[in-house]
Amino acid sequence: MPISARSLAFVSTAVLAAAGCSGRYGTTAIPLEGASVAAYSGMHDRPATPWIPAAQATFAIQYGGRTLDTKVKAEVYDVDGFDTPASTVRALHALGRHVVCYLSVGTWENWRPDAGKFPKSVLGDRDGHWPGERWLDIRALAVLAPLMSARFEMCKDKGFDAVDPDNIDGFQNRTGFKLTAAQQLRYDRWVAKAVHALGLSVAQKNDGAQISQLRASFDWAVLEQCYAQGWCGSFTPYTDANRLVVDIEYGTPKARFIGKVCPKTAGYRETALLKHLSLDAWVVTCPH
C-alpha cells in the first residue's frame, strides 16, 4: 500500500554517516513478452537459486520514520527502495538479515527522483487518498518497461535480495483506464520476469483474484488486510510450497490481533503483523 511518509529518508543508526550507492540504475529494459531479445542490451542471466524466504519467516516492514529500527528480531526487512541507501542494505546483511526493495510499479509518485521521466499519457486517476500518487496505464509496456527496469536495477545495485512490487492490481481499481484482467496479468508477469532476470526473487503483492495465474511467476507474497477481508486462505499455494506469505493488518485492536488474527494466519502457515497505516517502526507480532 503506498504511503506518502515513505519519502522520508531513513538509515540504520549504525550507518548514519553513509549515503548513496553505486550503479548505473539501468538504461535498458528487460524485453517485453513477444519482443525480440536482440532489440535490448544489458540483459542479465537469472541465477539458478535466487534467495526466496521460507514460510513463517519473521518479517519487518518499515517505510516511514526518521530512522530504521534495526533491532526488530526479523529475518527479512522490507524497506523503501529509493529512500534506503546501499549502506543500510549492507548493514542489515551484516546483521544476518535479508533485505527486500519496496517499489510501486502500478502508480506514479510525484516525489520520486524519476517522476519527470513518466509521460503524461500514462498517468491516470489519483490513487484514492494518497497525495501525489496516480495510477499508471500498465498497457503501455513499451513506455513503462525501461522506467521500471531502471528501478529494478537500482535494487540490484544497492544489494537488495528481492523486490516487493506494489499496486499490481490496477484492473480492480478506478485508474482512469479501462484495464482488463488479461492486461494486468501481462504486466504483472513482465514485472516478475524482469526482476528474476536480475537474480532477485519477487513477491506477489495482493491481487488475490489472480493468484492461480500468477503463482508460477512469483516466488512469495506480501498481503494487506487479508484477515480483515477474508482471503488469507487463497495464498496457501505459496505456503504449501514452503514460501513466505506475510499478512499486514491495520487498525485492528491488539487483543483481537493476538487472539484472532494470529491463530487464523498460523493455520495457513503465514506470518502476520499489526502495523500503523504509515508503516513506521511500530509493530505487533504474533507470539511464538
Foldseek 3Di string as FASTA:
>chain_A
DDFPQLPQAAAAPVPVPDDAFDDPLAQWFDDAVPDDRVVTDDFFAADPDADFAFFLFFEAEFRHDHYADLPPPGQEYEYELQRYHLVRCVVSVVVNHAYEYEDALFKQACPDPCSVLQDPVQFFDADPPHPRIATGNLLPCVSSRSVVLSSLVSCVRSPHRAYEYPDLPCCVDPRRDNDDPVSSLSSVLSSLVSNSRSHHAYAAEDPLVCCVVCVVRHQHYEYECCVVVVHLLSRLVNNVVRGAYEYEYEDDPPVCCQVPVVVVNVVSSYWYWYDYPNRHRDIDGHDD
